[in-house]
């Protein structure tokens, strides 16, 4: 199944949106670990609501939780530091319905630290039922989110 956007576009949306929230003084930079968890929660929420993948890139069960490997490698030079996102970003490249879902994901999960999100994913069945370094089945993610977050 093809995703509506690329994981990179969604990652940049979160980083740009966070920058906007930071300008109001109510946030801090997002680390790569936290970004990975936001992507996971965005994929699960979007797929459960829309019955369509938000992005096509696989989410892999790493030791510290779900990871989109291409995005991890794009930002790994930041280490555990927050990602200073200075790129121009056009929010209109994401449709308004998707943006509403992403804002809800950010408001719900973005308040937590990277480590809290990591621990949350470790208690959830999609990560628990996947061998380390294997791709987490998107149907597992969708079913879990339908049951735990959407209904």
N, C-alpha and C. Protein backbone atom coordinates (compact mmCIF):
# COMPACT_ATOMS: atom_id res chain seq x y z
N UNK A 1 0.85 -1.19 0.00
CA UNK A 1 0.00 0.00 0.00
C UNK A 1 0.89 1.25 0.00
N UNK A 2 0.49 2.21 -0.76
CA UNK A 2 1.28 3.44 -0.90
C UNK A 2 0.80 4.49 0.10
N UNK A 3 1.74 5.18 0.72
CA UNK A 3 1.39 6.24 1.65
C UNK A 3 1.03 7.53 0.92
N UNK A 4 0.31 8.37 1.60
CA UNK A 4 -0.12 9.63 1.00
C UNK A 4 1.04 10.61 0.85
N UNK A 5 1.99 10.56 1.80
CA UNK A 5 3.14 11.46 1.80
C UNK A 5 4.41 10.65 2.00
N UNK A 6 5.54 11.31 1.96
CA UNK A 6 6.80 10.65 2.32
C UNK A 6 7.03 10.85 3.82
N UNK A 7 7.74 9.92 4.41
CA UNK A 7 8.07 10.06 5.83
C UNK A 7 8.89 11.33 6.06
N UNK A 8 9.73 11.68 5.10
CA UNK A 8 10.54 12.88 5.21
C UNK A 8 9.67 14.14 5.28
N UNK A 9 8.62 14.18 4.46
CA UNK A 9 7.73 15.33 4.48
C UNK A 9 7.02 15.44 5.83
N UNK A 10 6.61 14.30 6.40
CA UNK A 10 5.91 14.31 7.68
C UNK A 10 6.89 14.67 8.81
N UNK A 11 8.11 14.14 8.75
CA UNK A 11 9.13 14.50 9.75
C UNK A 11 9.38 16.00 9.73
N UNK A 12 9.51 16.55 8.54
CA UNK A 12 9.74 18.00 8.42
C UNK A 12 8.52 18.79 8.90
N UNK A 13 7.32 18.25 8.68
CA UNK A 13 6.12 18.92 9.20
C UNK A 13 6.23 19.03 10.72
N UNK A 14 6.57 17.91 11.39
CA UNK A 14 6.68 17.94 12.85
C UNK A 14 7.75 18.93 13.30
N UNK A 15 8.90 18.94 12.63
CA UNK A 15 9.98 19.85 13.02
C UNK A 15 9.60 21.31 12.79
N UNK A 16 8.94 21.57 11.67
CA UNK A 16 8.51 22.95 11.37
C UNK A 16 7.39 23.39 12.30
N UNK A 17 6.45 22.50 12.57
CA UNK A 17 5.36 22.82 13.48
C UNK A 17 5.89 23.07 14.89
N UNK A 18 6.83 22.24 15.30
CA UNK A 18 7.46 22.43 16.61
C UNK A 18 8.17 23.78 16.68
N UNK A 19 8.83 24.16 15.61
CA UNK A 19 9.49 25.48 15.56
C UNK A 19 8.46 26.59 15.76
N UNK A 20 7.30 26.42 15.12
CA UNK A 20 6.23 27.41 15.26
C UNK A 20 5.75 27.46 16.72
N UNK A 21 5.57 26.31 17.34
CA UNK A 21 5.13 26.25 18.74
C UNK A 21 6.21 26.85 19.65
N UNK A 22 7.48 26.58 19.33
CA UNK A 22 8.59 27.12 20.13
C UNK A 22 8.62 28.64 20.09
N UNK A 23 8.21 29.21 18.97
CA UNK A 23 8.21 30.68 18.87
C UNK A 23 7.20 31.29 19.85
N UNK A 24 6.23 30.48 20.28
CA UNK A 24 5.29 30.92 21.31
C UNK A 24 5.83 30.61 22.71
N UNK A 25 7.03 30.03 22.76
CA UNK A 25 7.70 29.76 24.02
C UNK A 25 7.19 28.55 24.78
N UNK A 26 6.52 27.64 24.10
CA UNK A 26 5.87 26.54 24.81
C UNK A 26 6.37 25.17 24.36
N UNK A 27 7.64 25.06 24.00
CA UNK A 27 8.16 23.78 23.55
C UNK A 27 9.68 23.83 23.52
N UNK A 28 10.28 22.66 23.28
CA UNK A 28 11.73 22.58 23.10
C UNK A 28 12.00 21.78 21.84
N UNK A 29 13.24 21.78 21.39
CA UNK A 29 13.58 21.06 20.17
C UNK A 29 13.24 19.57 20.29
N UNK A 30 12.87 18.98 19.17
CA UNK A 30 12.56 17.55 19.10
C UNK A 30 13.84 16.79 18.78
N UNK A 31 14.14 15.77 19.58
CA UNK A 31 15.30 14.91 19.30
C UNK A 31 14.92 13.88 18.24
N UNK A 32 15.91 13.20 17.69
CA UNK A 32 15.65 12.15 16.71
C UNK A 32 14.80 11.04 17.33
N UNK A 33 15.09 10.66 18.57
CA UNK A 33 14.31 9.62 19.23
C UNK A 33 12.83 10.02 19.32
N UNK A 34 12.60 11.24 19.73
CA UNK A 34 11.22 11.72 19.84
C UNK A 34 10.55 11.82 18.47
N UNK A 35 11.29 12.27 17.48
CA UNK A 35 10.75 12.37 16.12
C UNK A 35 10.30 11.00 15.63
N UNK A 36 11.10 9.97 15.92
CA UNK A 36 10.75 8.61 15.51
C UNK A 36 9.41 8.18 16.11
N UNK A 37 9.22 8.51 17.37
CA UNK A 37 7.98 8.11 18.04
C UNK A 37 6.79 8.91 17.52
N UNK A 38 7.01 10.19 17.22
CA UNK A 38 5.92 10.99 16.64
C UNK A 38 5.51 10.44 15.28
N UNK A 39 6.49 10.00 14.49
CA UNK A 39 6.18 9.40 13.18
C UNK A 39 5.35 8.12 13.35
N UNK A 40 5.73 7.30 14.32
CA UNK A 40 5.00 6.07 14.61
C UNK A 40 3.55 6.40 15.02
N UNK A 41 3.39 7.33 15.95
CA UNK A 41 2.04 7.68 16.40
C UNK A 41 1.23 8.35 15.29
N UNK A 42 1.88 9.11 14.44
CA UNK A 42 1.18 9.73 13.30
C UNK A 42 0.72 8.65 12.33
N UNK A 43 1.60 7.71 12.01
CA UNK A 43 1.24 6.63 11.09
C UNK A 43 0.06 5.82 11.65
N UNK A 44 0.15 5.44 12.91
CA UNK A 44 -0.91 4.65 13.51
C UNK A 44 -2.24 5.37 13.57
N UNK A 45 -2.20 6.63 13.98
CA UNK A 45 -3.43 7.41 14.09
C UNK A 45 -4.05 7.63 12.72
N UNK A 46 -3.23 8.03 11.75
CA UNK A 46 -3.72 8.31 10.41
C UNK A 46 -4.31 7.05 9.78
N UNK A 47 -3.59 5.95 9.87
CA UNK A 47 -4.04 4.70 9.26
C UNK A 47 -5.35 4.23 9.91
N UNK A 48 -5.47 4.36 11.21
CA UNK A 48 -6.68 3.95 11.90
C UNK A 48 -7.88 4.81 11.50
N UNK A 49 -7.65 6.11 11.32
CA UNK A 49 -8.75 7.02 10.97
C UNK A 49 -9.10 6.95 9.49
N UNK A 50 -8.08 6.96 8.63
CA UNK A 50 -8.30 7.13 7.18
C UNK A 50 -8.25 5.81 6.40
N UNK A 51 -7.83 4.73 7.04
CA UNK A 51 -7.63 3.44 6.36
C UNK A 51 -6.69 3.58 5.17
N UNK A 52 -5.71 4.43 5.33
CA UNK A 52 -4.67 4.66 4.32
C UNK A 52 -3.38 4.98 5.08
N UNK A 53 -2.26 4.51 4.55
CA UNK A 53 -0.98 4.83 5.18
C UNK A 53 -0.66 6.31 5.00
N UNK A 54 -0.12 6.91 6.04
CA UNK A 54 0.34 8.30 5.95
C UNK A 54 1.60 8.37 5.10
N UNK A 55 2.51 7.40 5.30
CA UNK A 55 3.73 7.30 4.50
C UNK A 55 4.04 5.82 4.26
N UNK A 56 4.79 5.54 3.20
CA UNK A 56 5.05 4.15 2.78
C UNK A 56 6.25 3.53 3.48
N UNK A 57 7.19 4.34 3.92
CA UNK A 57 8.42 3.81 4.50
C UNK A 57 8.09 2.91 5.69
N UNK A 58 8.77 1.78 5.78
CA UNK A 58 8.49 0.85 6.88
C UNK A 58 8.93 1.41 8.23
N UNK A 59 8.24 0.96 9.27
CA UNK A 59 8.62 1.26 10.65
C UNK A 59 9.20 -0.03 11.21
N UNK A 60 10.42 0.08 11.73
CA UNK A 60 11.17 -1.09 12.20
C UNK A 60 11.22 -1.09 13.72
N UNK A 61 11.15 -2.27 14.31
CA UNK A 61 11.23 -2.42 15.77
C UNK A 61 12.71 -2.43 16.18
N UNK A 62 13.18 -1.29 16.62
CA UNK A 62 14.53 -1.20 17.15
C UNK A 62 14.49 -1.35 18.66
N UNK A 63 15.65 -1.47 19.25
CA UNK A 63 15.75 -1.66 20.70
C UNK A 63 15.04 -0.55 21.48
N UNK A 64 15.11 0.67 20.96
CA UNK A 64 14.48 1.80 21.65
C UNK A 64 13.13 2.16 21.04
N UNK A 65 12.49 1.20 20.40
CA UNK A 65 11.14 1.42 19.89
C UNK A 65 11.08 1.53 18.39
N UNK A 66 9.90 1.92 17.88
CA UNK A 66 9.67 2.01 16.44
C UNK A 66 10.52 3.11 15.79
N UNK A 67 11.08 2.79 14.62
CA UNK A 67 11.96 3.72 13.91
C UNK A 67 11.71 3.65 12.41
N UNK A 68 11.65 4.82 11.77
CA UNK A 68 11.69 4.90 10.31
C UNK A 68 13.17 5.11 9.98
N UNK A 69 13.81 4.07 9.48
CA UNK A 69 15.27 4.08 9.35
C UNK A 69 15.80 5.23 8.49
N UNK A 70 15.13 5.54 7.38
CA UNK A 70 15.62 6.63 6.52
C UNK A 70 15.64 7.96 7.26
N UNK A 71 14.64 8.18 8.09
CA UNK A 71 14.57 9.44 8.85
C UNK A 71 15.59 9.42 9.99
N UNK A 72 15.75 8.27 10.62
CA UNK A 72 16.78 8.15 11.66
C UNK A 72 18.14 8.56 11.09
N UNK A 73 18.49 7.99 9.94
CA UNK A 73 19.81 8.28 9.35
C UNK A 73 19.93 9.74 8.90
N UNK A 74 18.81 10.32 8.48
CA UNK A 74 18.83 11.73 8.06
C UNK A 74 19.19 12.66 9.22
N UNK A 75 18.79 12.31 10.44
CA UNK A 75 18.98 13.20 11.59
C UNK A 75 19.92 12.66 12.66
N UNK A 76 20.57 11.52 12.41
CA UNK A 76 21.40 10.90 13.45
C UNK A 76 22.59 11.74 13.86
N UNK A 77 23.03 12.67 13.01
CA UNK A 77 24.16 13.52 13.37
C UNK A 77 23.83 14.41 14.57
N UNK A 78 22.55 14.55 14.91
CA UNK A 78 22.14 15.34 16.07
C UNK A 78 22.33 14.59 17.38
N UNK A 79 22.61 13.29 17.29
CA UNK A 79 22.74 12.49 18.51
C UNK A 79 21.45 12.56 19.31
N UNK A 80 21.58 12.78 20.61
CA UNK A 80 20.38 12.90 21.45
C UNK A 80 19.95 14.35 21.62
N UNK A 81 20.64 15.26 20.94
CA UNK A 81 20.27 16.68 21.00
C UNK A 81 19.02 16.96 20.17
N UNK A 82 18.38 18.07 20.49
CA UNK A 82 17.24 18.51 19.70
C UNK A 82 17.68 18.89 18.30
N UNK A 83 16.79 18.69 17.34
CA UNK A 83 17.07 19.00 15.94
C UNK A 83 16.70 20.47 15.70
N UNK A 84 17.70 21.27 15.34
CA UNK A 84 17.45 22.67 15.00
C UNK A 84 17.05 22.68 13.52
N UNK A 85 15.76 22.92 13.27
CA UNK A 85 15.21 22.85 11.91
C UNK A 85 15.11 24.26 11.35
N UNK A 86 15.96 24.55 10.36
CA UNK A 86 16.00 25.91 9.80
C UNK A 86 15.54 25.98 8.36
N UNK A 87 15.10 24.83 7.82
CA UNK A 87 14.63 24.82 6.43
C UNK A 87 13.32 25.58 6.30
N UNK A 88 13.10 26.12 5.10
CA UNK A 88 11.78 26.67 4.79
C UNK A 88 10.82 25.49 4.70
N UNK A 89 9.61 25.67 5.18
CA UNK A 89 8.62 24.60 5.08
C UNK A 89 7.28 25.20 4.71
N UNK A 90 6.69 24.65 3.66
CA UNK A 90 5.38 25.12 3.19
C UNK A 90 4.31 24.21 3.76
N UNK A 91 3.60 24.68 4.75
CA UNK A 91 2.58 23.86 5.41
C UNK A 91 1.45 23.46 4.46
N UNK A 92 1.28 24.18 3.36
CA UNK A 92 0.20 23.85 2.43
C UNK A 92 0.48 22.57 1.63
N UNK A 93 1.69 22.01 1.76
CA UNK A 93 1.96 20.76 1.03
C UNK A 93 1.30 19.56 1.72
N UNK A 94 0.73 19.77 2.91
CA UNK A 94 -0.05 18.74 3.59
C UNK A 94 -1.49 19.23 3.63
N UNK A 95 -2.43 18.38 3.19
CA UNK A 95 -3.83 18.81 3.14
C UNK A 95 -4.36 19.08 4.55
N UNK A 96 -5.43 19.87 4.63
CA UNK A 96 -5.92 20.35 5.93
C UNK A 96 -6.41 19.21 6.83
N UNK A 97 -6.98 18.16 6.27
CA UNK A 97 -7.45 17.03 7.07
C UNK A 97 -6.26 16.30 7.71
N UNK A 98 -5.21 16.11 6.93
CA UNK A 98 -4.00 15.48 7.45
C UNK A 98 -3.36 16.38 8.49
N UNK A 99 -3.30 17.67 8.22
CA UNK A 99 -2.70 18.60 9.17
C UNK A 99 -3.43 18.55 10.52
N UNK A 100 -4.73 18.44 10.50
CA UNK A 100 -5.52 18.34 11.74
C UNK A 100 -5.11 17.09 12.53
N UNK A 101 -4.95 15.97 11.83
CA UNK A 101 -4.53 14.73 12.49
C UNK A 101 -3.12 14.90 13.07
N UNK A 102 -2.21 15.49 12.29
CA UNK A 102 -0.84 15.69 12.76
C UNK A 102 -0.79 16.62 13.96
N UNK A 103 -1.61 17.67 13.95
CA UNK A 103 -1.68 18.57 15.10
C UNK A 103 -2.18 17.83 16.33
N UNK A 104 -3.18 16.97 16.15
CA UNK A 104 -3.70 16.19 17.27
C UNK A 104 -2.62 15.25 17.82
N UNK A 105 -1.87 14.61 16.92
CA UNK A 105 -0.79 13.72 17.35
C UNK A 105 0.26 14.53 18.12
N UNK A 106 0.62 15.69 17.58
CA UNK A 106 1.62 16.54 18.24
C UNK A 106 1.11 16.97 19.62
N UNK A 107 -0.15 17.41 19.70
CA UNK A 107 -0.71 17.87 20.97
C UNK A 107 -0.81 16.73 21.99
N UNK A 108 -1.14 15.54 21.52
CA UNK A 108 -1.31 14.40 22.42
C UNK A 108 0.03 13.82 22.86
N UNK A 109 0.94 13.58 21.90
CA UNK A 109 2.17 12.87 22.20
C UNK A 109 3.40 13.77 22.32
N UNK A 110 3.36 14.94 21.70
CA UNK A 110 4.50 15.85 21.71
C UNK A 110 4.81 16.42 23.08
N UNK A 111 3.85 16.35 23.99
CA UNK A 111 4.06 16.87 25.35
C UNK A 111 5.01 16.00 26.16
N UNK A 112 5.21 14.75 25.71
CA UNK A 112 6.03 13.81 26.47
C UNK A 112 7.49 13.87 26.03
N UNK A 113 8.36 13.49 26.94
CA UNK A 113 9.79 13.41 26.60
C UNK A 113 10.02 12.24 25.66
N UNK A 114 11.16 12.26 24.99
CA UNK A 114 11.53 11.17 24.09
C UNK A 114 11.54 9.85 24.84
N UNK A 115 12.08 9.86 26.05
CA UNK A 115 12.21 8.62 26.81
C UNK A 115 10.85 8.10 27.26
N UNK A 116 9.94 9.00 27.63
CA UNK A 116 8.57 8.59 27.98
C UNK A 116 7.89 7.96 26.77
N UNK A 117 8.04 8.55 25.60
CA UNK A 117 7.45 7.99 24.38
C UNK A 117 8.06 6.63 24.07
N UNK A 118 9.37 6.51 24.25
CA UNK A 118 10.05 5.23 24.04
C UNK A 118 9.43 4.17 24.94
N UNK A 119 9.24 4.51 26.21
CA UNK A 119 8.66 3.56 27.15
C UNK A 119 7.21 3.23 26.81
N UNK A 120 6.48 4.22 26.32
CA UNK A 120 5.09 3.97 25.90
C UNK A 120 5.06 2.95 24.77
N UNK A 121 5.91 3.13 23.77
CA UNK A 121 5.90 2.20 22.63
C UNK A 121 6.30 0.79 23.06
N UNK A 122 7.14 0.69 24.08
CA UNK A 122 7.56 -0.62 24.58
C UNK A 122 6.42 -1.37 25.27
N UNK A 123 5.39 -0.66 25.68
CA UNK A 123 4.26 -1.30 26.34
C UNK A 123 3.13 -1.60 25.35
N UNK A 124 3.34 -1.30 24.08
CA UNK A 124 2.30 -1.46 23.06
C UNK A 124 2.57 -2.70 22.21
N UNK A 125 1.49 -3.39 21.84
CA UNK A 125 1.63 -4.67 21.14
C UNK A 125 2.33 -4.60 19.78
N UNK A 126 2.20 -3.55 18.96
CA UNK A 126 2.92 -3.59 17.68
C UNK A 126 4.44 -3.78 17.86
N UNK A 127 5.03 -3.08 18.83
CA UNK A 127 6.47 -3.23 19.08
C UNK A 127 6.74 -4.55 19.80
N UNK A 128 5.91 -4.88 20.79
CA UNK A 128 6.12 -6.10 21.58
C UNK A 128 6.04 -7.36 20.73
N UNK A 129 5.17 -7.36 19.72
CA UNK A 129 4.92 -8.56 18.91
C UNK A 129 5.78 -8.62 17.66
N UNK A 130 6.81 -7.78 17.59
CA UNK A 130 7.71 -7.76 16.44
C UNK A 130 9.13 -8.02 16.92
N UNK A 131 9.83 -8.90 16.24
CA UNK A 131 11.22 -9.17 16.57
C UNK A 131 12.06 -7.91 16.35
N UNK A 132 13.07 -7.71 17.18
CA UNK A 132 13.96 -6.56 17.02
C UNK A 132 14.57 -6.59 15.63
N UNK A 133 14.60 -5.42 14.99
CA UNK A 133 15.12 -5.18 13.64
C UNK A 133 14.21 -5.68 12.53
N UNK A 134 13.02 -6.20 12.86
CA UNK A 134 12.04 -6.56 11.85
C UNK A 134 11.09 -5.40 11.63
N UNK A 135 10.47 -5.38 10.46
CA UNK A 135 9.46 -4.37 10.14
C UNK A 135 8.19 -4.66 10.93
N UNK A 136 7.64 -3.62 11.54
CA UNK A 136 6.37 -3.76 12.25
C UNK A 136 5.25 -3.77 11.21
N UNK A 137 4.45 -4.80 11.22
CA UNK A 137 3.35 -4.93 10.28
C UNK A 137 2.36 -3.77 10.44
N UNK A 138 2.06 -3.10 9.35
CA UNK A 138 1.18 -1.93 9.43
C UNK A 138 -0.23 -2.30 9.89
N UNK A 139 -0.67 -3.53 9.59
CA UNK A 139 -2.00 -3.95 10.06
C UNK A 139 -2.01 -4.09 11.59
N UNK A 140 -0.89 -4.55 12.17
CA UNK A 140 -0.76 -4.60 13.63
C UNK A 140 -0.90 -3.20 14.21
N UNK A 141 -0.23 -2.24 13.57
CA UNK A 141 -0.28 -0.85 14.03
C UNK A 141 -1.71 -0.33 13.93
N UNK A 142 -2.33 -0.51 12.78
CA UNK A 142 -3.69 -0.01 12.57
C UNK A 142 -4.66 -0.61 13.58
N UNK A 143 -4.62 -1.93 13.75
CA UNK A 143 -5.55 -2.59 14.67
C UNK A 143 -5.35 -2.10 16.10
N UNK A 144 -4.09 -1.95 16.49
CA UNK A 144 -3.79 -1.46 17.84
C UNK A 144 -4.34 -0.04 18.03
N UNK A 145 -4.11 0.83 17.06
CA UNK A 145 -4.56 2.22 17.19
C UNK A 145 -6.08 2.33 17.16
N UNK A 146 -6.72 1.49 16.35
CA UNK A 146 -8.19 1.48 16.34
C UNK A 146 -8.71 1.12 17.73
N UNK A 147 -8.10 0.13 18.34
CA UNK A 147 -8.58 -0.36 19.63
C UNK A 147 -8.21 0.57 20.78
N UNK A 148 -6.97 1.08 20.78
CA UNK A 148 -6.45 1.80 21.95
C UNK A 148 -6.61 3.32 21.89
N UNK A 149 -6.61 3.88 20.69
CA UNK A 149 -6.58 5.35 20.60
C UNK A 149 -7.79 5.96 19.88
N UNK A 150 -8.35 5.27 18.92
CA UNK A 150 -9.36 5.91 18.07
C UNK A 150 -10.78 5.65 18.57
N UNK A 151 -11.09 4.42 18.94
CA UNK A 151 -12.47 4.10 19.33
C UNK A 151 -12.91 4.83 20.58
